[in-house]
N, C-alpha and C. Protein backbone atom coordinates (compact mmCIF):
# COMPACT_ATOMS: atom_id res chain seq x y z
N MET A 1 82.10 109.25 92.62
CA MET A 1 82.71 109.53 91.33
C MET A 1 83.58 110.77 91.43
N SER A 2 84.70 110.76 90.74
CA SER A 2 85.61 111.89 90.77
C SER A 2 84.95 113.11 90.13
N GLU A 3 85.16 114.28 90.73
CA GLU A 3 84.53 115.48 90.22
C GLU A 3 85.23 116.00 88.96
N GLN A 4 84.51 116.83 88.23
CA GLN A 4 85.07 117.46 87.04
C GLN A 4 85.56 118.84 87.42
N LEU A 5 86.78 119.18 87.08
CA LEU A 5 87.37 120.45 87.45
C LEU A 5 87.58 121.32 86.21
N THR A 6 87.47 122.62 86.38
CA THR A 6 87.71 123.56 85.29
C THR A 6 88.98 124.35 85.58
N LEU A 7 89.87 124.40 84.59
CA LEU A 7 91.15 125.06 84.75
C LEU A 7 91.30 126.13 83.67
N PRO A 8 91.17 127.42 84.02
CA PRO A 8 91.36 128.49 83.04
C PRO A 8 92.81 128.50 82.54
N ALA A 9 92.98 128.74 81.26
CA ALA A 9 94.32 128.70 80.67
C ALA A 9 94.46 129.72 79.55
N GLU A 10 95.70 129.97 79.18
CA GLU A 10 96.01 130.86 78.06
C GLU A 10 97.01 130.16 77.15
N THR A 11 96.87 130.39 75.85
CA THR A 11 97.77 129.75 74.90
C THR A 11 99.18 130.32 75.05
N ARG A 12 100.17 129.46 74.75
CA ARG A 12 101.56 129.89 74.78
C ARG A 12 101.96 130.39 73.40
N GLU A 13 102.43 131.61 73.37
CA GLU A 13 102.84 132.19 72.09
C GLU A 13 104.23 131.72 71.69
N ARG A 14 105.07 131.49 72.70
CA ARG A 14 106.45 131.08 72.42
C ARG A 14 106.75 129.75 73.10
N ALA A 15 107.65 128.97 72.50
CA ALA A 15 108.06 127.71 73.08
C ALA A 15 109.54 127.80 73.45
N GLY A 16 110.05 126.76 74.11
CA GLY A 16 111.46 126.74 74.48
C GLY A 16 111.68 126.96 75.96
N LYS A 17 112.90 126.64 76.41
CA LYS A 17 113.22 126.74 77.83
C LYS A 17 113.17 128.17 78.34
N GLY A 18 113.66 129.10 77.54
CA GLY A 18 113.66 130.50 77.96
C GLY A 18 112.26 131.02 78.19
N ALA A 19 111.35 130.70 77.27
CA ALA A 19 109.96 131.14 77.41
C ALA A 19 109.30 130.50 78.62
N SER A 20 109.62 129.23 78.86
CA SER A 20 109.04 128.53 80.02
C SER A 20 109.53 129.13 81.33
N ARG A 21 110.82 129.47 81.39
CA ARG A 21 111.36 130.10 82.60
C ARG A 21 110.69 131.45 82.86
N ALA A 22 110.44 132.20 81.79
CA ALA A 22 109.79 133.50 81.94
C ALA A 22 108.37 133.33 82.48
N LEU A 23 107.67 132.32 82.01
CA LEU A 23 106.31 132.06 82.50
C LEU A 23 106.33 131.72 83.99
N ARG A 24 107.29 130.89 84.40
CA ARG A 24 107.37 130.48 85.81
C ARG A 24 107.69 131.68 86.71
N ARG A 25 108.51 132.59 86.20
CA ARG A 25 108.82 133.80 87.00
C ARG A 25 107.56 134.64 87.21
N ASP A 26 106.62 134.55 86.28
CA ASP A 26 105.37 135.32 86.37
C ASP A 26 104.27 134.54 87.10
N GLY A 27 104.64 133.40 87.71
CA GLY A 27 103.65 132.63 88.46
C GLY A 27 102.75 131.78 87.59
N ARG A 28 103.24 131.42 86.40
CA ARG A 28 102.48 130.57 85.49
C ARG A 28 103.20 129.24 85.30
N VAL A 29 102.45 128.20 84.91
CA VAL A 29 103.03 126.87 84.69
C VAL A 29 102.76 126.45 83.24
N PRO A 30 103.80 126.19 82.46
CA PRO A 30 103.60 125.72 81.07
C PRO A 30 103.00 124.32 81.05
N CYS A 31 102.10 124.09 80.09
CA CYS A 31 101.43 122.80 79.97
C CYS A 31 101.25 122.45 78.49
N VAL A 32 100.82 121.22 78.25
CA VAL A 32 100.53 120.79 76.89
C VAL A 32 99.41 119.77 76.91
N ILE A 33 98.54 119.85 75.89
CA ILE A 33 97.49 118.85 75.68
C ILE A 33 97.85 118.07 74.42
N TYR A 34 97.75 116.74 74.49
CA TYR A 34 98.04 115.92 73.31
C TYR A 34 97.03 114.78 73.25
N GLY A 35 97.05 114.04 72.14
CA GLY A 35 96.20 112.86 72.01
C GLY A 35 94.98 113.09 71.15
N ASP A 36 94.18 112.02 71.01
CA ASP A 36 92.96 112.02 70.22
C ASP A 36 93.22 112.36 68.75
N LYS A 37 94.43 112.04 68.28
CA LYS A 37 94.83 112.24 66.89
C LYS A 37 94.70 113.70 66.45
N LYS A 38 94.93 114.61 67.40
CA LYS A 38 94.89 116.04 67.10
C LYS A 38 96.23 116.66 67.44
N GLU A 39 96.46 117.83 66.90
CA GLU A 39 97.72 118.53 67.12
C GLU A 39 97.87 118.92 68.59
N ALA A 40 99.09 118.81 69.10
CA ALA A 40 99.35 119.18 70.49
C ALA A 40 99.10 120.67 70.68
N LEU A 41 98.59 121.00 71.86
CA LEU A 41 98.24 122.39 72.16
C LEU A 41 99.01 122.85 73.39
N ALA A 42 99.84 123.88 73.21
CA ALA A 42 100.65 124.41 74.31
C ALA A 42 99.92 125.58 74.97
N PHE A 43 99.93 125.60 76.30
CA PHE A 43 99.25 126.67 77.04
C PHE A 43 99.91 126.83 78.40
N HIS A 44 99.43 127.77 79.18
CA HIS A 44 99.95 127.94 80.54
C HIS A 44 98.80 128.29 81.49
N VAL A 45 98.97 127.92 82.78
CA VAL A 45 97.94 128.14 83.78
C VAL A 45 98.52 128.83 85.01
N GLU A 46 97.65 129.33 85.85
CA GLU A 46 98.09 130.00 87.08
C GLU A 46 98.64 128.97 88.07
N GLU A 47 99.83 129.20 88.58
CA GLU A 47 100.47 128.24 89.49
C GLU A 47 99.66 128.06 90.77
N LYS A 48 99.14 129.13 91.35
CA LYS A 48 98.41 129.04 92.61
C LYS A 48 97.17 128.15 92.47
N LEU A 49 96.43 128.34 91.37
CA LEU A 49 95.23 127.54 91.17
C LEU A 49 95.59 126.08 90.92
N LEU A 50 96.63 125.85 90.13
CA LEU A 50 97.07 124.48 89.86
C LEU A 50 97.51 123.79 91.15
N THR A 51 98.27 124.49 91.98
CA THR A 51 98.74 123.93 93.26
C THR A 51 97.56 123.57 94.15
N LYS A 52 96.54 124.40 94.17
CA LYS A 52 95.34 124.13 94.98
C LYS A 52 94.65 122.86 94.49
N MET A 53 94.56 122.69 93.17
CA MET A 53 93.95 121.47 92.62
C MET A 53 94.79 120.24 92.94
N LEU A 54 96.10 120.38 92.85
CA LEU A 54 96.98 119.26 93.16
C LEU A 54 96.84 118.82 94.60
N SER A 55 96.61 119.76 95.50
CA SER A 55 96.51 119.45 96.93
C SER A 55 95.22 118.72 97.28
N SER A 56 94.27 118.65 96.36
CA SER A 56 92.99 117.98 96.63
C SER A 56 93.17 116.47 96.78
N GLY A 57 94.25 115.92 96.19
CA GLY A 57 94.50 114.49 96.27
C GLY A 57 93.82 113.69 95.18
N HIS A 58 92.96 114.34 94.38
CA HIS A 58 92.24 113.63 93.32
C HIS A 58 92.55 114.20 91.93
N PHE A 59 93.55 115.05 91.85
CA PHE A 59 93.83 115.72 90.58
C PHE A 59 94.13 114.74 89.46
N MET A 60 94.96 113.73 89.75
CA MET A 60 95.41 112.82 88.70
C MET A 60 94.32 111.87 88.21
N ASN A 61 93.23 111.72 88.93
CA ASN A 61 92.14 110.87 88.44
C ASN A 61 90.84 111.66 88.32
N SER A 62 90.99 112.95 87.96
CA SER A 62 89.83 113.81 87.72
C SER A 62 89.84 114.29 86.27
N VAL A 63 88.66 114.45 85.72
CA VAL A 63 88.55 115.05 84.39
C VAL A 63 88.76 116.55 84.54
N ILE A 64 89.71 117.09 83.79
CA ILE A 64 90.03 118.52 83.86
C ILE A 64 89.55 119.19 82.56
N MET A 65 88.64 120.14 82.70
CA MET A 65 88.19 120.91 81.54
C MET A 65 89.10 122.13 81.43
N VAL A 66 90.04 122.07 80.50
CA VAL A 66 90.97 123.18 80.29
C VAL A 66 90.28 124.21 79.40
N ASP A 67 90.01 125.38 79.98
CA ASP A 67 89.26 126.43 79.28
C ASP A 67 90.23 127.43 78.67
N ILE A 68 90.33 127.41 77.32
CA ILE A 68 91.22 128.33 76.61
C ILE A 68 90.36 129.23 75.72
N LYS A 69 90.29 130.50 76.08
CA LYS A 69 89.52 131.49 75.32
C LYS A 69 88.06 131.06 75.14
N GLY A 70 87.50 130.49 76.22
CA GLY A 70 86.10 130.10 76.19
C GLY A 70 85.83 128.74 75.59
N LYS A 71 86.85 128.08 75.09
CA LYS A 71 86.68 126.74 74.53
C LYS A 71 87.16 125.71 75.53
N ALA A 72 86.27 124.78 75.91
CA ALA A 72 86.63 123.76 76.90
C ALA A 72 87.25 122.55 76.23
N ASN A 73 88.37 122.10 76.77
CA ASN A 73 89.05 120.91 76.29
C ASN A 73 88.99 119.85 77.38
N ARG A 74 88.31 118.74 77.11
CA ARG A 74 88.18 117.68 78.10
C ARG A 74 89.48 116.88 78.16
N THR A 75 90.11 116.85 79.33
CA THR A 75 91.42 116.21 79.45
C THR A 75 91.53 115.38 80.73
N LEU A 76 92.58 114.59 80.75
CA LEU A 76 92.94 113.82 81.95
C LEU A 76 94.43 114.06 82.20
N PRO A 77 94.81 114.51 83.41
CA PRO A 77 96.24 114.72 83.69
C PRO A 77 97.03 113.42 83.56
N LYS A 78 98.18 113.48 82.91
CA LYS A 78 99.00 112.28 82.72
C LYS A 78 100.34 112.38 83.43
N ASP A 79 100.88 113.58 83.56
CA ASP A 79 102.19 113.71 84.21
C ASP A 79 102.37 115.13 84.73
N VAL A 80 102.85 115.24 85.97
CA VAL A 80 103.17 116.54 86.56
C VAL A 80 104.64 116.53 86.96
N GLN A 81 105.39 117.49 86.47
CA GLN A 81 106.80 117.60 86.83
C GLN A 81 106.95 118.66 87.92
N PHE A 82 107.76 118.34 88.94
CA PHE A 82 107.97 119.25 90.05
C PHE A 82 109.44 119.67 90.12
N HIS A 83 109.68 120.86 90.64
CA HIS A 83 111.05 121.34 90.84
C HIS A 83 111.71 120.46 91.91
N PRO A 84 112.93 119.97 91.68
CA PRO A 84 113.57 119.05 92.62
C PRO A 84 113.85 119.65 94.00
N VAL A 85 113.93 120.96 94.09
CA VAL A 85 114.25 121.61 95.37
C VAL A 85 113.01 122.21 96.03
N SER A 86 112.28 123.03 95.27
CA SER A 86 111.13 123.73 95.85
C SER A 86 109.84 122.92 95.80
N SER A 87 109.81 121.85 94.97
CA SER A 87 108.62 121.01 94.79
C SER A 87 107.46 121.76 94.15
N ARG A 88 107.74 122.89 93.53
CA ARG A 88 106.71 123.62 92.81
C ARG A 88 106.43 122.93 91.47
N PRO A 89 105.18 122.91 91.00
CA PRO A 89 104.91 122.32 89.68
C PRO A 89 105.54 123.16 88.59
N ILE A 90 106.22 122.52 87.64
CA ILE A 90 106.90 123.27 86.59
C ILE A 90 106.41 122.89 85.19
N HIS A 91 105.66 121.79 85.08
CA HIS A 91 105.10 121.42 83.78
C HIS A 91 104.06 120.32 83.97
N VAL A 92 103.00 120.38 83.16
CA VAL A 92 101.94 119.36 83.24
C VAL A 92 101.58 118.89 81.83
N ASP A 93 101.44 117.58 81.68
CA ASP A 93 100.96 116.98 80.43
C ASP A 93 99.52 116.54 80.64
N PHE A 94 98.65 116.89 79.68
CA PHE A 94 97.26 116.49 79.72
C PHE A 94 96.93 115.65 78.48
N LEU A 95 96.10 114.63 78.67
CA LEU A 95 95.65 113.79 77.56
C LEU A 95 94.24 114.21 77.17
N ARG A 96 94.06 114.51 75.89
CA ARG A 96 92.74 114.89 75.38
C ARG A 96 91.85 113.64 75.29
N ILE A 97 90.64 113.71 75.83
CA ILE A 97 89.75 112.54 75.85
C ILE A 97 88.34 112.93 75.43
N GLY A 98 87.57 111.92 75.03
CA GLY A 98 86.16 112.14 74.72
C GLY A 98 85.33 111.99 75.99
N GLU A 99 84.06 112.34 75.91
CA GLU A 99 83.20 112.32 77.10
C GLU A 99 83.08 110.93 77.70
N HIS A 100 83.03 109.90 76.84
CA HIS A 100 82.88 108.53 77.33
C HIS A 100 84.06 107.65 76.91
N SER A 101 85.23 108.24 76.84
CA SER A 101 86.43 107.46 76.50
C SER A 101 86.76 106.48 77.62
N GLN A 102 87.33 105.34 77.25
CA GLN A 102 87.83 104.39 78.24
C GLN A 102 89.25 104.85 78.61
N VAL A 103 89.46 105.14 79.87
CA VAL A 103 90.74 105.70 80.31
C VAL A 103 91.38 104.82 81.37
N HIS A 104 92.71 104.90 81.45
CA HIS A 104 93.48 104.22 82.50
C HIS A 104 93.78 105.24 83.59
N VAL A 105 93.40 104.92 84.80
CA VAL A 105 93.64 105.83 85.93
C VAL A 105 94.16 105.03 87.13
N ASN A 106 94.92 105.70 87.98
CA ASN A 106 95.38 105.11 89.23
C ASN A 106 94.51 105.67 90.36
N VAL A 107 93.76 104.79 90.99
CA VAL A 107 92.80 105.21 92.01
C VAL A 107 93.26 104.72 93.38
N PRO A 108 93.32 105.62 94.38
CA PRO A 108 93.76 105.21 95.72
C PRO A 108 92.82 104.22 96.38
N VAL A 109 93.39 103.38 97.26
CA VAL A 109 92.62 102.35 97.98
C VAL A 109 92.38 102.81 99.41
N ARG A 110 91.18 102.57 99.91
CA ARG A 110 90.84 102.90 101.29
C ARG A 110 90.32 101.63 101.97
N PHE A 111 90.85 101.34 103.16
CA PHE A 111 90.45 100.13 103.90
C PHE A 111 89.48 100.51 105.02
N ASP A 112 88.34 99.81 105.04
CA ASP A 112 87.28 100.13 106.00
C ASP A 112 87.11 99.01 107.04
N ASN A 113 86.51 99.38 108.18
CA ASN A 113 86.12 98.45 109.24
C ASN A 113 87.31 97.68 109.84
N GLU A 114 88.39 98.38 110.12
CA GLU A 114 89.54 97.73 110.76
C GLU A 114 89.17 97.15 112.12
N GLU A 115 88.21 97.80 112.80
CA GLU A 115 87.82 97.34 114.13
C GLU A 115 87.07 96.01 114.08
N ASP A 116 86.63 95.59 112.90
CA ASP A 116 85.91 94.32 112.75
C ASP A 116 86.80 93.20 112.20
N SER A 117 88.10 93.43 112.19
CA SER A 117 89.04 92.41 111.74
C SER A 117 89.65 91.70 112.95
N PRO A 118 89.38 90.40 113.13
CA PRO A 118 89.95 89.66 114.27
C PRO A 118 91.48 89.71 114.27
N GLY A 119 92.07 89.65 113.09
CA GLY A 119 93.53 89.68 113.00
C GLY A 119 94.12 90.98 113.50
N LEU A 120 93.52 92.10 113.13
CA LEU A 120 94.02 93.40 113.59
C LEU A 120 93.73 93.59 115.08
N LYS A 121 92.63 93.04 115.57
CA LYS A 121 92.33 93.12 117.01
C LYS A 121 93.38 92.38 117.83
N ARG A 122 93.91 91.29 117.28
CA ARG A 122 94.92 90.49 117.98
C ARG A 122 96.32 91.09 117.86
N GLY A 123 96.42 92.24 117.22
CA GLY A 123 97.72 92.90 117.09
C GLY A 123 98.37 92.72 115.74
N GLY A 124 97.64 92.09 114.79
CA GLY A 124 98.17 91.92 113.45
C GLY A 124 98.37 93.26 112.76
N VAL A 125 99.14 93.24 111.69
CA VAL A 125 99.47 94.47 110.97
C VAL A 125 98.95 94.37 109.53
N LEU A 126 98.31 95.44 109.07
CA LEU A 126 97.83 95.49 107.69
C LEU A 126 98.99 95.87 106.78
N ASN A 127 99.41 94.93 105.96
CA ASN A 127 100.51 95.17 105.02
C ASN A 127 99.92 95.49 103.65
N VAL A 128 99.96 96.78 103.28
CA VAL A 128 99.36 97.22 102.02
C VAL A 128 100.37 97.05 100.89
N VAL A 129 100.05 96.21 99.93
CA VAL A 129 100.93 95.96 98.79
C VAL A 129 100.65 96.97 97.67
N GLN A 130 99.36 97.26 97.45
CA GLN A 130 98.94 98.19 96.40
C GLN A 130 98.20 99.37 97.05
N HIS A 131 98.85 100.52 97.12
CA HIS A 131 98.20 101.70 97.67
C HIS A 131 97.25 102.33 96.65
N GLU A 132 97.50 102.04 95.37
CA GLU A 132 96.62 102.49 94.29
C GLU A 132 96.34 101.32 93.36
N LEU A 133 95.20 101.37 92.71
CA LEU A 133 94.85 100.35 91.73
C LEU A 133 94.75 101.00 90.35
N GLU A 134 95.42 100.40 89.38
CA GLU A 134 95.31 100.89 88.01
C GLU A 134 94.04 100.31 87.40
N LEU A 135 93.12 101.19 87.04
CA LEU A 135 91.82 100.76 86.56
C LEU A 135 91.53 101.29 85.17
N VAL A 136 90.62 100.61 84.49
CA VAL A 136 90.11 101.06 83.20
C VAL A 136 88.62 101.34 83.40
N CYS A 137 88.21 102.57 83.05
CA CYS A 137 86.81 102.93 83.27
C CYS A 137 86.38 104.04 82.32
N ASP A 138 85.12 104.35 82.35
CA ASP A 138 84.56 105.43 81.54
C ASP A 138 85.06 106.76 82.10
N ALA A 139 85.45 107.67 81.21
CA ALA A 139 86.00 108.96 81.65
C ALA A 139 85.01 109.77 82.47
N SER A 140 83.72 109.51 82.28
CA SER A 140 82.70 110.25 83.03
C SER A 140 82.34 109.58 84.35
N HIS A 141 82.96 108.41 84.64
CA HIS A 141 82.65 107.69 85.88
C HIS A 141 83.95 107.20 86.55
N ILE A 142 84.88 108.10 86.77
CA ILE A 142 86.13 107.75 87.42
C ILE A 142 85.92 107.78 88.94
N PRO A 143 86.15 106.67 89.64
CA PRO A 143 85.95 106.66 91.10
C PRO A 143 87.02 107.47 91.83
N ASP A 144 86.61 108.10 92.93
CA ASP A 144 87.56 108.86 93.76
C ASP A 144 88.53 107.92 94.46
N GLU A 145 87.99 106.80 94.97
CA GLU A 145 88.80 105.82 95.69
C GLU A 145 88.06 104.48 95.69
N ILE A 146 88.80 103.42 95.98
CA ILE A 146 88.23 102.09 96.04
C ILE A 146 88.21 101.64 97.49
N HIS A 147 87.03 101.24 97.99
CA HIS A 147 86.89 100.82 99.39
C HIS A 147 87.01 99.30 99.50
N ILE A 148 87.78 98.86 100.49
CA ILE A 148 87.96 97.43 100.75
C ILE A 148 87.58 97.15 102.20
N ASP A 149 86.67 96.20 102.39
CA ASP A 149 86.15 95.86 103.72
C ASP A 149 87.06 94.82 104.39
N LEU A 150 87.52 95.13 105.61
CA LEU A 150 88.40 94.22 106.35
C LEU A 150 87.65 93.34 107.35
N THR A 151 86.33 93.41 107.36
CA THR A 151 85.53 92.63 108.30
C THR A 151 85.83 91.13 108.20
N GLY A 152 86.12 90.51 109.36
CA GLY A 152 86.31 89.06 109.43
C GLY A 152 87.69 88.56 109.03
N LEU A 153 88.58 89.43 108.60
CA LEU A 153 89.89 88.98 108.15
C LEU A 153 90.83 88.74 109.34
N ASP A 154 91.57 87.64 109.29
CA ASP A 154 92.45 87.25 110.39
C ASP A 154 93.91 87.27 109.93
N ILE A 155 94.81 87.05 110.86
CA ILE A 155 96.24 87.00 110.55
C ILE A 155 96.50 85.88 109.54
N GLY A 156 97.22 86.21 108.50
CA GLY A 156 97.51 85.24 107.44
C GLY A 156 96.60 85.36 106.24
N ASP A 157 95.51 86.13 106.38
CA ASP A 157 94.59 86.31 105.26
C ASP A 157 95.15 87.32 104.25
N SER A 158 94.83 87.11 102.99
CA SER A 158 95.27 88.01 101.92
C SER A 158 94.06 88.52 101.15
N ILE A 159 94.18 89.73 100.62
CA ILE A 159 93.14 90.31 99.77
C ILE A 159 93.70 90.40 98.36
N HIS A 160 93.06 89.71 97.43
CA HIS A 160 93.47 89.75 96.04
C HIS A 160 92.51 90.64 95.24
N ILE A 161 92.92 91.00 94.05
CA ILE A 161 92.09 91.90 93.24
C ILE A 161 90.73 91.27 92.97
N SER A 162 90.66 89.93 92.91
CA SER A 162 89.37 89.26 92.68
C SER A 162 88.43 89.43 93.88
N ASP A 163 88.98 89.78 95.06
CA ASP A 163 88.16 89.98 96.25
C ASP A 163 87.62 91.41 96.34
N VAL A 164 88.14 92.30 95.50
CA VAL A 164 87.78 93.72 95.58
C VAL A 164 86.55 94.00 94.73
N LYS A 165 85.56 94.64 95.33
CA LYS A 165 84.35 95.01 94.59
C LYS A 165 84.60 96.34 93.89
N LEU A 166 84.69 96.29 92.57
CA LEU A 166 84.92 97.49 91.78
C LEU A 166 83.59 98.07 91.31
N PRO A 167 83.54 99.39 91.09
CA PRO A 167 82.31 100.01 90.59
C PRO A 167 81.90 99.41 89.24
N GLU A 168 80.62 99.44 88.96
CA GLU A 168 80.11 98.89 87.69
C GLU A 168 80.77 99.60 86.51
N GLY A 169 81.18 98.83 85.54
CA GLY A 169 81.82 99.40 84.36
C GLY A 169 83.30 99.66 84.53
N THR A 170 83.84 99.26 85.68
CA THR A 170 85.26 99.46 85.97
C THR A 170 85.96 98.11 86.09
N LYS A 171 87.15 98.00 85.57
CA LYS A 171 87.91 96.75 85.67
C LYS A 171 89.38 97.07 85.93
N ALA A 172 90.10 96.08 86.44
CA ALA A 172 91.53 96.25 86.70
C ALA A 172 92.29 96.25 85.38
N ALA A 173 93.28 97.13 85.26
CA ALA A 173 94.08 97.19 84.04
C ALA A 173 94.93 95.92 83.90
N ILE A 174 95.36 95.36 85.04
CA ILE A 174 96.12 94.10 85.03
C ILE A 174 95.12 92.96 85.17
N ASP A 175 94.93 92.21 84.09
CA ASP A 175 93.92 91.16 84.12
C ASP A 175 94.48 89.77 83.85
N ASP A 176 95.81 89.65 83.85
CA ASP A 176 96.40 88.34 83.57
C ASP A 176 96.80 87.57 84.83
N ARG A 177 96.57 88.16 85.99
CA ARG A 177 96.87 87.46 87.24
C ARG A 177 96.05 88.06 88.38
N ASP A 178 95.81 87.25 89.40
CA ASP A 178 95.04 87.67 90.56
C ASP A 178 96.01 88.21 91.61
N PHE A 179 96.46 89.45 91.41
CA PHE A 179 97.52 90.01 92.26
C PHE A 179 97.01 90.38 93.65
N THR A 180 97.97 90.43 94.59
CA THR A 180 97.65 90.74 95.99
C THR A 180 97.58 92.24 96.21
N VAL A 181 96.53 92.66 96.90
CA VAL A 181 96.36 94.07 97.24
C VAL A 181 96.87 94.35 98.65
N ALA A 182 96.59 93.45 99.58
CA ALA A 182 97.03 93.63 100.98
C ALA A 182 96.98 92.29 101.70
N THR A 183 97.72 92.22 102.80
CA THR A 183 97.70 91.02 103.65
C THR A 183 97.67 91.47 105.11
N ILE A 184 97.24 90.57 105.99
CA ILE A 184 97.30 90.83 107.43
C ILE A 184 98.36 89.90 108.00
N VAL A 185 99.44 90.49 108.50
CA VAL A 185 100.57 89.70 108.96
C VAL A 185 100.68 89.76 110.48
N ALA A 186 101.37 88.77 111.04
CA ALA A 186 101.57 88.70 112.49
C ALA A 186 102.48 89.83 112.95
N PRO A 187 102.25 90.37 114.15
CA PRO A 187 103.13 91.41 114.67
C PRO A 187 104.52 90.87 114.93
N SER A 188 105.52 91.72 114.95
CA SER A 188 106.90 91.29 115.14
C SER A 188 107.10 90.59 116.48
N ALA A 189 106.35 91.01 117.52
CA ALA A 189 106.49 90.38 118.85
C ALA A 189 106.08 88.92 118.78
N MET A 190 104.98 88.64 118.05
CA MET A 190 104.51 87.27 117.93
C MET A 190 105.52 86.43 117.15
N LYS A 191 106.10 87.03 116.10
CA LYS A 191 107.10 86.31 115.31
C LYS A 191 108.33 85.99 116.15
N SER A 192 108.73 86.94 117.02
CA SER A 192 109.91 86.73 117.86
C SER A 192 109.68 85.59 118.84
N GLU A 193 108.47 85.54 119.44
CA GLU A 193 108.16 84.48 120.39
C GLU A 193 108.21 83.11 119.71
N GLU A 194 107.64 83.04 118.51
CA GLU A 194 107.66 81.78 117.77
C GLU A 194 109.09 81.38 117.42
N GLY A 195 109.90 82.40 117.07
CA GLY A 195 111.29 82.12 116.73
C GLY A 195 112.07 81.63 117.93
N ASP A 196 111.81 82.23 119.13
CA ASP A 196 112.52 81.83 120.34
C ASP A 196 112.16 80.40 120.72
N THR A 197 110.87 80.06 120.58
CA THR A 197 110.42 78.71 120.93
C THR A 197 111.09 77.67 120.05
N SER A 198 111.13 77.93 118.76
CA SER A 198 111.74 76.96 117.84
C SER A 198 113.24 76.86 118.11
N THR A 199 113.87 77.97 118.47
CA THR A 199 115.31 77.97 118.74
C THR A 199 115.62 77.15 119.98
N GLU A 200 114.75 77.31 121.01
CA GLU A 200 114.97 76.55 122.25
C GLU A 200 114.89 75.06 121.98
N GLY A 201 113.96 74.64 121.14
CA GLY A 201 113.82 73.22 120.82
C GLY A 201 115.06 72.70 120.13
N VAL A 202 115.60 73.47 119.21
CA VAL A 202 116.80 73.06 118.49
C VAL A 202 117.98 72.98 119.43
N GLU A 203 118.09 74.01 120.33
CA GLU A 203 119.20 74.01 121.28
C GLU A 203 119.13 72.80 122.20
N GLY A 204 117.87 72.43 122.63
CA GLY A 204 117.69 71.28 123.51
C GLY A 204 118.14 70.00 122.83
N GLU A 205 117.80 69.89 121.52
CA GLU A 205 118.21 68.70 120.78
C GLU A 205 119.73 68.62 120.67
N ILE A 206 120.35 69.78 120.42
CA ILE A 206 121.80 69.81 120.28
C ILE A 206 122.48 69.44 121.57
N GLU A 207 121.94 70.01 122.71
CA GLU A 207 122.53 69.70 124.01
C GLU A 207 122.40 68.21 124.31
N GLY A 208 121.24 67.61 123.97
CA GLY A 208 121.02 66.19 124.20
C GLY A 208 122.00 65.36 123.41
N GLU A 209 122.21 65.75 122.14
CA GLU A 209 123.15 65.02 121.29
C GLU A 209 124.57 65.12 121.82
N GLU A 210 124.91 66.34 122.30
CA GLU A 210 126.26 66.52 122.85
C GLU A 210 126.46 65.69 124.10
N GLY A 211 125.37 65.60 124.96
CA GLY A 211 125.47 64.82 126.18
C GLY A 211 125.67 63.35 125.88
N GLU A 212 124.91 62.84 124.90
CA GLU A 212 125.04 61.44 124.53
C GLU A 212 126.43 61.16 123.97
N ALA A 213 126.91 62.11 123.14
CA ALA A 213 128.24 61.93 122.56
C ALA A 213 129.31 61.93 123.63
N GLY A 214 129.12 62.80 124.67
CA GLY A 214 130.10 62.87 125.74
C GLY A 214 130.12 61.60 126.56
N GLU A 215 128.94 61.04 126.87
CA GLU A 215 128.89 59.80 127.64
C GLU A 215 129.51 58.65 126.88
N THR A 216 129.26 58.60 125.57
CA THR A 216 129.84 57.54 124.73
C THR A 216 131.35 57.64 124.71
N GLY A 217 131.83 58.86 124.64
CA GLY A 217 133.28 59.08 124.62
C GLY A 217 133.91 58.63 125.91
N GLU A 218 133.27 58.95 127.05
CA GLU A 218 133.82 58.57 128.35
C GLU A 218 133.85 57.05 128.48
N ALA A 219 132.77 56.40 128.04
CA ALA A 219 132.71 54.93 128.13
C ALA A 219 133.81 54.29 127.29
N GLU A 220 134.03 54.82 126.10
CA GLU A 220 135.07 54.27 125.22
C GLU A 220 136.45 54.43 125.86
N ALA A 221 136.60 55.64 126.47
CA ALA A 221 137.92 55.91 127.10
C ALA A 221 138.17 54.93 128.24
N LYS A 222 137.11 54.69 129.06
CA LYS A 222 137.27 53.74 130.16
C LYS A 222 137.53 52.35 129.65
N GLY A 223 136.75 51.97 128.64
CA GLY A 223 136.92 50.61 128.08
C GLY A 223 138.33 50.41 127.53
N GLY A 224 138.82 51.45 126.88
CA GLY A 224 140.18 51.32 126.30
C GLY A 224 141.21 51.14 127.37
N GLY A 225 141.01 51.79 128.55
CA GLY A 225 142.01 51.70 129.61
C GLY A 225 142.03 50.30 130.21
N GLU A 226 140.85 49.69 130.37
CA GLU A 226 140.78 48.37 130.97
C GLU A 226 141.42 47.32 130.05
N THR A 227 141.27 47.50 128.75
CA THR A 227 141.84 46.53 127.79
C THR A 227 143.35 46.53 127.89
N GLU A 228 143.89 47.76 127.96
CA GLU A 228 145.36 47.87 128.02
C GLU A 228 145.89 47.29 129.33
N ALA A 229 145.11 47.38 130.43
CA ALA A 229 145.55 46.81 131.68
C ALA A 229 145.59 45.31 131.61
């Protein structure tokens, strides 16, 4: 289960681009909490601490307790904006949630037991279609990642969402189709060999047809000469 993180924060006294730029110069990142039919709350956090949390890899699917003047606000990160050049975080949106709210989260996928896949042993390639799964789950039970077992899978096999074992109480946000998560495809070398073989067969047929056409033409030419004689 994804851990709960605490993020100390201070309220923003001023709004606007100028105030936001001043905060960033001081090593702070402007943020906002919205949702739950309550008024939006503007605040700012320490950039270094926020960057450390972002580097964990689980920030976007973790419950963040934003602590403002000793009052904890239970939130879920919804959007992080980064500077286009420096890649520093410049703004974060948080969604206010209840302890057991049903939330939509994107959870990374992890593939296990590659060594037990006959297809991968033969040189097949794991083609990942969905690196993350959009899930609906309880805010207090957000999974860190979803594990998918590759044991027994061969070249040409596909893994659909119906094949994935999700944690109890968790379901896929997309429920109107059995979408593909990953496939095991043939290596390019194998595809090239198959392509060469089929090409040779076609070329052989063409050469045979040309040979027959040439012999027929020669016979007609000879026959025509004898008639004229």
